[in-house]
Amino acid sequence: MQVDTGLEHKFARFGAAISMQDDNVIEGYASLFGKADQGGDVVAKGAYATSLKTLLAEGRAVKMLWQHDPAQPIGVWEEVREDDRGLWVKGRLLPDVAKAREAAALIGAGAIDGLSIGYRTLRATKNTKGERLLQELELWEVSLVTFPMLPSARVSAKGESPEAQTLREMAAAFEGARRELRRESRPA
């Protein structure tokens, strides 16, 4: 049974900028700034800065979980930082943990291709498009997930062909266009 932590979750799909290496190392973007997700939220540049400084000062780390389940840690994030593009993470799946071995196999097969952050919103406003602009977040965890919400940040397993990456990118673009058309066709 999964415990309700009261955290919000923001999903990101892995992409060419994130990868899994043979030694179970995962790196890339868990969140991208300025990109609206399917829930209409946009993370502002700098939203994680205070949280990351607090975690460092207190000697705590962002947790790596399986599907946001606090009872299923599957690895460790060894580096979590903001840059101009978003929230970049680097960590490793722990091969002694059965669920981590499963996760590595699923990523390698392309069955799992998502990251999701678990956080609390500390400060947010609405932007001119009516989207929630997340300005300050308390980051708790980054999970490997099945169904991500932010198509523009995805993972590819080592060895995935450029053609497969291109097809994934095209599918994400078509899905985004489909959602946009649906949104525009709704009555106001």
Protein backbone atom coordinates (compact mmCIF):
# COMPACT_ATOMS: atom_id res chain seq x y z
CA MET A 1 0.00 0.00 0.00
CA GLN A 2 1.39 3.38 -1.02
CA VAL A 3 1.49 6.09 1.66
CA ASP A 4 -0.08 9.47 0.83
CA THR A 5 2.72 11.97 1.42
CA GLY A 6 0.69 15.02 0.42
CA LEU A 7 3.32 15.92 -2.18
CA GLU A 8 2.46 17.18 -5.64
CA HIS A 9 4.02 15.39 -8.58
CA LYS A 10 5.34 16.86 -11.81
CA PHE A 11 6.14 14.39 -14.57
CA ALA A 12 8.81 14.65 -17.24
CA ARG A 13 9.51 12.17 -20.00
CA PHE A 14 13.17 11.29 -20.51
CA GLY A 15 14.83 12.44 -23.73
CA ALA A 16 17.99 12.48 -25.72
CA ALA A 17 19.43 14.69 -22.97
CA ILE A 18 18.97 11.92 -20.39
CA SER A 19 20.39 8.45 -20.59
CA MET A 20 21.12 5.24 -18.75
CA GLN A 21 24.65 3.97 -19.02
CA ASP A 22 25.79 0.37 -18.68
CA ASP A 23 26.79 0.88 -15.05
CA ASN A 24 23.18 1.85 -14.10
CA VAL A 25 23.96 5.58 -14.13
CA ILE A 26 21.03 7.80 -15.09
CA GLU A 27 21.48 11.47 -15.92
CA GLY A 28 19.51 14.24 -17.52
CA TYR A 29 16.65 16.66 -16.89
CA ALA A 30 13.87 15.83 -14.44
CA SER A 31 12.17 19.19 -15.02
CA LEU A 32 12.44 21.86 -17.71
CA PHE A 33 11.89 25.57 -17.11
CA GLY A 34 9.26 27.47 -19.07
CA LYS A 35 7.52 24.36 -20.48
CA ALA A 36 3.81 23.87 -19.75
CA ASP A 37 2.95 20.33 -18.74
CA GLN A 38 -0.35 18.55 -19.36
CA GLY A 39 -1.71 19.94 -16.08
CA GLY A 40 -1.07 23.55 -17.16
CA ASP A 41 1.85 24.13 -14.78
CA VAL A 42 5.09 25.88 -15.75
CA VAL A 43 8.21 25.72 -13.57
CA ALA A 44 10.05 29.05 -13.37
CA LYS A 45 13.84 29.27 -13.55
CA GLY A 46 15.21 29.24 -10.01
CA ALA A 47 12.20 27.44 -8.50
CA TYR A 48 14.40 24.75 -6.91
CA ALA A 49 17.33 26.93 -5.78
CA THR A 50 16.30 27.50 -2.15
CA SER A 51 15.25 23.88 -1.66
CA LEU A 52 18.53 22.55 -3.05
CA LYS A 53 20.54 24.90 -0.79
CA THR A 54 18.52 23.79 2.25
CA LEU A 55 18.99 20.10 1.45
CA LEU A 56 22.75 20.61 1.07
CA ALA A 57 23.03 22.64 4.31
CA GLU A 58 21.10 19.95 6.23
CA GLY A 59 23.07 17.07 4.70
CA ARG A 60 19.96 15.56 3.13
CA ALA A 61 19.47 14.32 -0.43
CA VAL A 62 16.67 14.15 -2.97
CA LYS A 63 15.36 10.56 -2.97
CA MET A 64 15.21 8.28 -6.03
CA LEU A 65 11.94 6.35 -5.85
CA TRP A 66 9.98 3.93 -8.01
CA GLN A 67 6.58 5.38 -9.07
CA HIS A 68 6.57 7.88 -6.12
CA ASP A 69 6.35 5.06 -3.60
CA PRO A 70 8.33 6.05 -0.48
CA ALA A 71 8.59 2.35 0.42
CA GLN A 72 10.49 1.67 -2.86
CA PRO A 73 13.77 3.57 -3.08
CA ILE A 74 15.68 2.17 -6.07
CA GLY A 75 18.85 4.22 -6.19
CA VAL A 76 20.56 7.44 -5.23
CA TRP A 77 20.72 10.82 -6.92
CA GLU A 78 24.36 11.83 -6.60
CA GLU A 79 23.95 15.23 -8.25
CA VAL A 80 20.86 17.43 -8.46
CA ARG A 81 21.25 20.99 -9.76
CA GLU A 82 19.56 23.77 -11.65
CA ASP A 83 21.01 25.21 -14.82
CA ASP A 84 19.58 27.52 -17.47
CA ARG A 85 17.45 24.72 -18.93
CA GLY A 86 15.97 23.04 -15.87
CA LEU A 87 16.55 20.58 -13.03
CA TRP A 88 19.38 18.23 -13.98
CA VAL A 89 19.88 14.97 -12.08
CA LYS A 90 22.54 12.28 -12.08
CA GLY A 91 22.36 9.13 -10.05
CA ARG A 92 22.58 5.40 -10.13
CA LEU A 93 20.20 2.51 -9.79
CA LEU A 94 21.32 0.12 -7.04
CA PRO A 95 21.83 -3.37 -8.50
CA ASP A 96 21.30 -5.03 -5.10
CA VAL A 97 17.70 -3.74 -5.08
CA ALA A 98 15.33 -6.00 -7.05
CA LYS A 99 13.05 -3.14 -8.19
CA ALA A 100 16.12 -1.21 -9.43
CA ARG A 101 17.15 -4.19 -11.58
CA GLU A 102 13.59 -4.30 -12.94
CA ALA A 103 13.70 -0.55 -13.62
CA ALA A 104 16.99 -0.90 -15.52
CA ALA A 105 15.51 -3.69 -17.65
CA LEU A 106 12.34 -1.69 -18.34
CA ILE A 107 14.31 1.42 -19.30
CA GLY A 108 16.54 -0.64 -21.57
CA ALA A 109 13.48 -2.14 -23.28
CA GLY A 110 11.80 1.27 -23.66
CA ALA A 111 8.87 0.28 -21.43
CA ILE A 112 9.66 3.00 -18.88
CA ASP A 113 10.70 6.40 -20.15
CA GLY A 114 9.56 8.90 -17.54
CA LEU A 115 10.80 10.91 -14.59
CA SER A 116 8.57 12.68 -12.12
CA ILE A 117 9.37 15.05 -9.31
CA GLY A 118 7.67 15.00 -5.91
CA TYR A 119 7.48 18.49 -4.38
CA ARG A 120 5.51 20.98 -2.33
CA THR A 121 4.57 24.32 -3.88
CA LEU A 122 5.79 27.20 -1.73
CA ARG A 123 5.07 30.07 -4.14
CA ALA A 124 3.09 30.20 -7.38
CA THR A 125 1.16 32.70 -9.52
CA LYS A 126 -0.88 32.59 -12.70
CA ASN A 127 0.80 33.71 -15.91
CA THR A 128 -0.90 35.55 -18.79
CA LYS A 129 -1.99 32.24 -20.36
CA GLY A 130 -3.77 31.17 -17.17
CA GLU A 131 -1.12 28.57 -16.40
CA ARG A 132 0.17 28.11 -12.85
CA LEU A 133 3.73 29.48 -12.73
CA LEU A 134 5.62 27.55 -10.04
CA GLN A 135 8.14 30.02 -8.61
CA GLU A 136 9.41 28.22 -5.50
CA LEU A 137 9.25 24.49 -4.87
CA GLU A 138 10.38 22.26 -2.03
CA LEU A 139 11.87 19.24 -3.83
CA TRP A 140 11.56 15.88 -2.06
CA GLU A 141 12.11 13.18 -4.66
CA VAL A 142 12.61 12.30 -8.31
CA SER A 143 10.94 9.04 -9.39
CA LEU A 144 11.15 6.75 -12.37
CA VAL A 145 7.56 6.50 -13.66
CA THR A 146 5.46 4.89 -16.35
CA PHE A 147 3.27 7.87 -17.35
CA PRO A 148 4.99 11.29 -17.50
CA MET A 149 3.26 14.63 -18.14
CA LEU A 150 6.04 16.73 -19.68
CA PRO A 151 6.81 15.22 -23.10
CA SER A 152 9.81 17.48 -23.78
CA ALA A 153 12.16 15.83 -21.26
CA ARG A 154 12.60 12.12 -21.99
CA VAL A 155 15.13 9.33 -21.53
CA SER A 156 16.70 7.02 -24.01
CA ALA A 157 18.42 3.82 -23.07
CA LYS A 158 22.00 3.49 -24.21
CA GLY A 159 22.00 2.00 -27.66
CA GLU A 160 18.63 3.41 -28.78
CA SER A 161 18.89 4.31 -32.42
CA PRO A 162 18.62 7.92 -33.59
CA GLU A 163 15.61 6.81 -35.65
CA ALA A 164 13.83 5.56 -32.49
CA GLN A 165 14.61 8.86 -30.74
CA THR A 166 13.22 10.80 -33.71
CA LEU A 167 10.03 8.70 -33.72
CA ARG A 168 9.56 9.33 -29.99
CA GLU A 169 10.04 13.07 -30.53
CA MET A 170 7.54 13.09 -33.40
CA ALA A 171 4.99 11.16 -31.33
CA ALA A 172 5.38 13.66 -28.49
CA ALA A 173 4.93 16.58 -30.90
CA PHE A 174 1.77 15.05 -32.38
CA GLU A 175 0.41 14.35 -28.89
CA GLY A 176 1.08 17.97 -27.86
CA ALA A 177 -0.65 19.28 -30.99
CA ARG A 178 -3.62 16.98 -30.38
CA ARG A 179 -3.99 18.27 -26.81
CA GLU A 180 -3.72 21.88 -28.00
CA LEU A 181 -6.42 21.35 -30.63
CA ARG A 182 -8.67 19.76 -28.03
CA ARG A 183 -8.08 22.69 -25.65
CA GLU A 184 -8.89 25.24 -28.38
CA SER A 185 -12.07 23.44 -29.40
CA ARG A 186 -13.56 23.45 -25.88
CA PRO A 187 -16.28 26.02 -25.20
CA ALA A 188 -15.09 28.93 -23.06
